[in-house]
PDB file of N, CA and C in Angstrom:
ATOM      1  N   MET A   1      13.217   4.695  11.055  1.00  0.00           N
ATOM      2  CA  MET A   1      12.906   4.802  12.469  1.00  0.00           C
ATOM      3  C   MET A   1      13.593   6.054  12.990  1.00  0.00           C
ATOM      4  N   SER A   2      12.846   6.942  13.475  1.00  0.00           N
ATOM      5  CA  SER A   2      13.360   8.185  14.030  1.00  0.00           C
ATOM      6  C   SER A   2      13.533   8.021  15.536  1.00  0.00           C
ATOM      7  N   GLY A   3      14.488   8.741  16.102  1.00  0.00           N
ATOM      8  CA  GLY A   3      14.704   8.660  17.541  1.00  0.00           C
ATOM      9  C   GLY A   3      15.735   7.629  17.943  1.00  0.00           C
ATOM     10  N   ALA A   4      16.472   7.090  16.957  1.00  0.00           N
ATOM     11  CA  ALA A   4      17.483   6.077  17.246  1.00  0.00           C
ATOM     12  C   ALA A   4      18.851   6.701  17.476  1.00  0.00           C
ATOM     13  N   GLY A   5      18.924   8.021  17.515  1.00  0.00           N
ATOM     14  CA  GLY A   5      20.190   8.705  17.742  1.00  0.00           C
ATOM     15  C   GLY A   5      21.111   8.569  16.549  1.00  0.00           C
ATOM     16  N   LEU A   6      22.370   8.222  16.802  1.00  0.00           N
ATOM     17  CA  LEU A   6      23.352   8.098  15.729  1.00  0.00           C
ATOM     18  C   LEU A   6      22.956   7.028  14.716  1.00  0.00           C
ATOM     19  N   CYS A   7      22.229   6.036  15.136  1.00  0.00           N
ATOM     20  CA  CYS A   7      21.813   4.956  14.228  1.00  0.00           C
ATOM     21  C   CYS A   7      20.908   5.471  13.103  1.00  0.00           C
ATOM     22  N   ASP A   8      20.211   6.568  13.330  1.00  0.00           N
ATOM     23  CA  ASP A   8      19.288   7.100  12.323  1.00  0.00           C
ATOM     24  C   ASP A   8      19.951   7.305  10.970  1.00  0.00           C
ATOM     25  N   ASP A   9      21.214   7.739  10.959  1.00  0.00           N
ATOM     26  CA  ASP A   9      21.862   8.000   9.672  1.00  0.00           C
ATOM     27  C   ASP A   9      23.125   7.163   9.457  1.00  0.00           C
ATOM     28  N   CYS A  10      23.256   6.050  10.186  1.00  0.00           N
ATOM     29  CA  CYS A  10      24.453   5.209  10.067  1.00  0.00           C
ATOM     30  C   CYS A  10      24.331   4.250   8.883  1.00  0.00           C
ATOM     31  N   ARG A  11      25.419   4.075   8.172  1.00  0.00           N
ATOM     32  CA  ARG A  11      25.409   3.178   7.005  1.00  0.00           C
ATOM     33  C   ARG A  11      25.309   1.705   7.389  1.00  0.00           C
ATOM     34  N   PHE A  12      25.569   1.363   8.645  1.00  0.00           N
ATOM     35  CA  PHE A  12      25.526  -0.029   9.096  1.00  0.00           C
ATOM     36  C   PHE A  12      24.174  -0.416   9.678  1.00  0.00           C
ATOM     37  N   ARG A  13      23.238   0.507   9.728  1.00  0.00           N
ATOM     38  CA  ARG A  13      21.926   0.301  10.332  1.00  0.00           C
ATOM     39  C   ARG A  13      20.966  -0.386   9.360  1.00  0.00           C
ATOM     40  N   THR A  14      20.231  -1.346   9.897  1.00  0.00           N
ATOM     41  CA  THR A  14      19.134  -1.969   9.163  1.00  0.00           C
ATOM     42  C   THR A  14      17.929  -1.966  10.089  1.00  0.00           C
ATOM     43  N   GLU A  15      16.794  -1.557   9.582  1.00  0.00           N
ATOM     44  CA  GLU A  15      15.577  -1.587  10.378  1.00  0.00           C
ATOM     45  C   GLU A  15      14.907  -2.934  10.170  1.00  0.00           C
ATOM     46  N   VAL A  16      14.596  -3.611  11.272  1.00  0.00           N
ATOM     47  CA  VAL A  16      13.946  -4.915  11.235  1.00  0.00           C
ATOM     48  C   VAL A  16      12.540  -4.745  11.798  1.00  0.00           C
ATOM     49  N   ILE A  17      11.554  -5.279  11.079  1.00  0.00           N
ATOM     50  CA  ILE A  17      10.160  -5.208  11.515  1.00  0.00           C
ATOM     51  C   ILE A  17       9.684  -6.627  11.780  1.00  0.00           C
ATOM     52  N   SER A  18       9.240  -6.868  13.009  1.00  0.00           N
ATOM     53  CA  SER A  18       8.779  -8.213  13.377  1.00  0.00           C
ATOM     54  C   SER A  18       7.415  -8.496  12.766  1.00  0.00           C
ATOM     55  N   ALA A  19       6.994  -9.730  12.860  1.00  0.00           N
ATOM     56  CA  ALA A  19       5.683 -10.130  12.347  1.00  0.00           C
ATOM     57  C   ALA A  19       4.553  -9.384  13.054  1.00  0.00           C
ATOM     58  N   ARG A  20       4.808  -8.958  14.298  1.00  0.00           N
ATOM     59  CA  ARG A  20       3.797  -8.217  15.060  1.00  0.00           C
ATOM     60  C   ARG A  20       3.885  -6.711  14.839  1.00  0.00           C
ATOM     61  N   GLY A  21       4.810  -6.272  14.016  1.00  0.00           N
ATOM     62  CA  GLY A  21       4.909  -4.853  13.700  1.00  0.00           C
ATOM     63  C   GLY A  21       5.888  -4.062  14.553  1.00  0.00           C
ATOM     64  N   SER A  22       6.593  -4.720  15.481  1.00  0.00           N
ATOM     65  CA  SER A  22       7.601  -4.026  16.284  1.00  0.00           C
ATOM     66  C   SER A  22       8.802  -3.707  15.403  1.00  0.00           C
ATOM     67  N   ARG A  23       9.416  -2.551  15.659  1.00  0.00           N
ATOM     68  CA  ARG A  23      10.577  -2.136  14.870  1.00  0.00           C
ATOM     69  C   ARG A  23      11.826  -2.142  15.733  1.00  0.00           C
ATOM     70  N   PHE A  24      12.914  -2.654  15.147  1.00  0.00           N
ATOM     71  CA  PHE A  24      14.190  -2.739  15.833  1.00  0.00           C
ATOM     72  C   PHE A  24      15.286  -2.233  14.906  1.00  0.00           C
ATOM     73  N   VAL A  25      16.379  -1.733  15.491  1.00  0.00           N
ATOM     74  CA  VAL A  25      17.534  -1.311  14.712  1.00  0.00           C
ATOM     75  C   VAL A  25      18.608  -2.379  14.867  1.00  0.00           C
ATOM     76  N   LEU A  26      19.012  -2.976  13.749  1.00  0.00           N
ATOM     77  CA  LEU A  26      20.057  -3.984  13.722  1.00  0.00           C
ATOM     78  C   LEU A  26      21.366  -3.314  13.329  1.00  0.00           C
ATOM     79  N   CYS A  27      22.413  -3.496  14.129  1.00  0.00           N
ATOM     80  CA  CYS A  27      23.720  -2.917  13.851  1.00  0.00           C
ATOM     81  C   CYS A  27      24.522  -3.886  12.994  1.00  0.00           C
ATOM     82  N   GLY A  28      24.850  -3.488  11.774  1.00  0.00           N
ATOM     83  CA  GLY A  28      25.630  -4.325  10.869  1.00  0.00           C
ATOM     84  C   GLY A  28      27.066  -4.529  11.323  1.00  0.00           C
ATOM     85  N   ARG A  29      27.577  -3.614  12.132  1.00  0.00           N
ATOM     86  CA  ARG A  29      28.950  -3.769  12.657  1.00  0.00           C
ATOM     87  C   ARG A  29      29.046  -4.981  13.574  1.00  0.00           C
ATOM     88  N   ALA A  30      27.950  -5.357  14.228  1.00  0.00           N
ATOM     89  CA  ALA A  30      27.953  -6.469  15.178  1.00  0.00           C
ATOM     90  C   ALA A  30      28.299  -7.799  14.509  1.00  0.00           C
ATOM     91  N   ALA A  31      28.076  -7.934  13.216  1.00  0.00           N
ATOM     92  CA  ALA A  31      28.389  -9.172  12.510  1.00  0.00           C
ATOM     93  C   ALA A  31      29.894  -9.420  12.446  1.00  0.00           C
ATOM     94  N   ASP A  32      30.680  -8.350  12.375  1.00  0.00           N
ATOM     95  CA  ASP A  32      32.135  -8.464  12.247  1.00  0.00           C
ATOM     96  C   ASP A  32      32.890  -8.155  13.530  1.00  0.00           C
ATOM     97  N   VAL A  33      32.354  -7.236  14.333  1.00  0.00           N
ATOM     98  CA  VAL A  33      33.026  -6.803  15.556  1.00  0.00           C
ATOM     99  C   VAL A  33      32.111  -7.126  16.743  1.00  0.00           C
ATOM    100  N   LYS A  34      32.472  -8.137  17.500  1.00  0.00           N
ATOM    101  CA  LYS A  34      31.594  -8.647  18.563  1.00  0.00           C
ATOM    102  C   LYS A  34      31.370  -7.677  19.716  1.00  0.00           C
ATOM    103  N   THR A  35      32.135  -6.584  19.803  1.00  0.00           N
ATOM    104  CA  THR A  35      31.928  -5.615  20.883  1.00  0.00           C
ATOM    105  C   THR A  35      30.728  -4.706  20.617  1.00  0.00           C
ATOM    106  N   TYR A  36      30.205  -4.710  19.385  1.00  0.00           N
ATOM    107  CA  TYR A  36      29.016  -3.908  19.070  1.00  0.00           C
ATOM    108  C   TYR A  36      27.776  -4.750  19.333  1.00  0.00           C
ATOM    109  N   PRO A  37      26.775  -4.182  19.999  1.00  0.00           N
ATOM    110  CA  PRO A  37      25.544  -4.956  20.242  1.00  0.00           C
ATOM    111  C   PRO A  37      24.761  -5.136  18.940  1.00  0.00           C
ATOM    112  N   LYS A  38      24.205  -6.312  18.740  1.00  0.00           N
ATOM    113  CA  LYS A  38      23.418  -6.587  17.537  1.00  0.00           C
ATOM    114  C   LYS A  38      22.207  -5.659  17.461  1.00  0.00           C
ATOM    115  N   TYR A  39      21.522  -5.507  18.582  1.00  0.00           N
ATOM    116  CA  TYR A  39      20.380  -4.596  18.680  1.00  0.00           C
ATOM    117  C   TYR A  39      20.690  -3.597  19.792  1.00  0.00           C
ATOM    118  N   PRO A  40      21.276  -2.442  19.460  1.00  0.00           N
ATOM    119  CA  PRO A  40      21.686  -1.488  20.500  1.00  0.00           C
ATOM    120  C   PRO A  40      20.505  -0.849  21.215  1.00  0.00           C
ATOM    121  N   ARG A  41      20.737  -0.483  22.476  1.00  0.00           N
ATOM    122  CA  ARG A  41      19.743   0.252  23.252  1.00  0.00           C
ATOM    123  C   ARG A  41      19.659   1.663  22.665  1.00  0.00           C
ATOM    124  N   LEU A  42      18.467   2.102  22.379  1.00  0.00           N
ATOM    125  CA  LEU A  42      18.266   3.406  21.720  1.00  0.00           C
ATOM    126  C   LEU A  42      17.806   4.458  22.709  1.00  0.00           C
ATOM    127  N   PRO A  43      18.124   5.697  22.489  1.00  0.00           N
ATOM    128  CA  PRO A  43      18.909   6.241  21.380  1.00  0.00           C
ATOM    129  C   PRO A  43      20.404   6.082  21.627  1.00  0.00           C
ATOM    130  N   VAL A  44      21.143   5.806  20.565  1.00  0.00           N
ATOM    131  CA  VAL A  44      22.595   5.703  20.642  1.00  0.00           C
ATOM    132  C   VAL A  44      23.160   7.120  20.551  1.00  0.00           C
ATOM    133  N   THR A  45      23.910   7.530  21.568  1.00  0.00           N
ATOM    134  CA  THR A  45      24.477   8.885  21.580  1.00  0.00           C
ATOM    135  C   THR A  45      25.983   8.891  21.359  1.00  0.00           C
ATOM    136  N   VAL A  46      26.641   7.742  21.592  1.00  0.00           N
ATOM    137  CA  VAL A  46      28.080   7.621  21.380  1.00  0.00           C
ATOM    138  C   VAL A  46      28.344   6.286  20.700  1.00  0.00           C
ATOM    139  N   CYS A  47      29.067   6.315  19.564  1.00  0.00           N
ATOM    140  CA  CYS A  47      29.410   5.080  18.864  1.00  0.00           C
ATOM    141  C   CYS A  47      30.673   5.316  18.050  1.00  0.00           C
ATOM    142  N   ALA A  48      31.733   4.599  18.383  1.00  0.00           N
ATOM    143  CA  ALA A  48      33.005   4.749  17.679  1.00  0.00           C
ATOM    144  C   ALA A  48      32.918   4.251  16.238  1.00  0.00           C
ATOM    145  N   GLY A  49      31.975   3.367  15.942  1.00  0.00           N
ATOM    146  CA  GLY A  49      31.855   2.799  14.604  1.00  0.00           C
ATOM    147  C   GLY A  49      30.871   3.500  13.695  1.00  0.00           C
ATOM    148  N   HIS A  50      30.280   4.590  14.160  1.00  0.00           N
ATOM    149  CA  HIS A  50      29.282   5.303  13.358  1.00  0.00           C
ATOM    150  C   HIS A  50      29.900   5.888  12.100  1.00  0.00           C
ATOM    151  N   GLU A  51      29.273   5.613  10.966  1.00  0.00           N
ATOM    152  CA  GLU A  51      29.649   6.227   9.689  1.00  0.00           C
ATOM    153  C   GLU A  51      28.363   6.683   9.017  1.00  0.00           C
ATOM    154  N   PRO A  52      28.264   7.972   8.689  1.00  0.00           N
ATOM    155  CA  PRO A  52      27.046   8.448   8.028  1.00  0.00           C
ATOM    156  C   PRO A  52      26.807   7.712   6.710  1.00  0.00           C
ATOM    157  N   ALA A  53      25.559   7.412   6.444  1.00  0.00           N
ATOM    158  CA  ALA A  53      25.183   6.730   5.208  1.00  0.00           C
ATOM    159  C   ALA A  53      25.197   7.707   4.045  1.00  0.00           C
ATOM    160  N   ALA A  54      25.458   7.194   2.867  1.00  0.00           N
ATOM    161  CA  ALA A  54      25.342   8.004   1.656  1.00  0.00           C
ATOM    162  C   ALA A  54      23.860   8.255   1.423  1.00  0.00           C
ATOM    163  N   GLU A  55      23.534   9.382   0.856  1.00  0.00           N
ATOM    164  CA  GLU A  55      22.134   9.692   0.576  1.00  0.00           C
ATOM    165  C   GLU A  55      21.564   8.677  -0.394  1.00  0.00           C
ATOM    166  N   ASP A  56      20.451   8.043  -0.016  1.00  0.00           N
ATOM    167  CA  ASP A  56      19.786   7.042  -0.844  1.00  0.00           C
ATOM    168  C   ASP A  56      18.339   7.458  -1.034  1.00  0.00           C
ATOM    169  N   PRO A  57      17.942   7.774  -2.252  1.00  0.00           N
ATOM    170  CA  PRO A  57      16.567   8.219  -2.483  1.00  0.00           C
ATOM    171  C   PRO A  57      15.521   7.168  -2.153  1.00  0.00           C
ATOM    172  N   ALA A  58      15.908   5.884  -2.101  1.00  0.00           N
ATOM    173  CA  ALA A  58      14.953   4.820  -1.786  1.00  0.00           C
ATOM    174  C   ALA A  58      14.706   4.718  -0.287  1.00  0.00           C
ATOM    175  N   GLY A  59      15.527   5.372   0.536  1.00  0.00           N
ATOM    176  CA  GLY A  59      15.351   5.327   1.978  1.00  0.00           C
ATOM    177  C   GLY A  59      16.149   4.204   2.597  1.00  0.00           C
ATOM    178  N   PRO A  60      16.054   4.048   3.933  1.00  0.00           N
ATOM    179  CA  PRO A  60      16.820   3.026   4.625  1.00  0.00           C
ATOM    180  C   PRO A  60      16.367   1.621   4.262  1.00  0.00           C
ATOM    181  N   GLU A  61      17.294   0.706   4.309  1.00  0.00           N
ATOM    182  CA  GLU A  61      17.003  -0.685   4.026  1.00  0.00           C
ATOM    183  C   GLU A  61      16.122  -1.254   5.139  1.00  0.00           C
ATOM    184  N   THR A  62      15.114  -2.019   4.774  1.00  0.00           N
ATOM    185  CA  THR A  62      14.213  -2.620   5.747  1.00  0.00           C
ATOM    186  C   THR A  62      14.159  -4.117   5.507  1.00  0.00           C
ATOM    187  N   GLU A  63      14.209  -4.889   6.566  1.00  0.00           N
ATOM    188  CA  GLU A  63      14.156  -6.338   6.492  1.00  0.00           C
ATOM    189  C   GLU A  63      12.978  -6.811   7.319  1.00  0.00           C
ATOM    190  N   ARG A  64      12.185  -7.720   6.787  1.00  0.00           N
ATOM    191  CA  ARG A  64      11.036  -8.251   7.511  1.00  0.00           C
ATOM    192  C   ARG A  64      11.371  -9.646   8.013  1.00  0.00           C
ATOM    193  N   THR A  65      11.063  -9.892   9.289  1.00  0.00           N
ATOM    194  CA  THR A  65      11.328 -11.209   9.873  1.00  0.00           C
ATOM    195  C   THR A  65      10.016 -11.869  10.259  1.00  0.00           C
ATOM    196  N   ALA A  66      10.085 -13.136  10.499  1.00  0.00           N
ATOM    197  CA  ALA A  66       8.882 -13.886  10.881  1.00  0.00           C
ATOM    198  C   ALA A  66       8.562 -13.733  12.337  1.00  0.00           C
TER     199      ALA A  66
END
């Protein structure tokens, strides 16, 4: 998902695609640190927990929900 700001290259980001095809960015930091929103308002321009992801040739992880 492009246009998500810092989330675009964050290692804690997971893209979630709903059954209707809507795409959301899930913040993995929210599972451990309750001050991070589970689904942040995009684009994220400031985030203290941002860590760039390692280059992965398979691309970002995607999770499909019902």
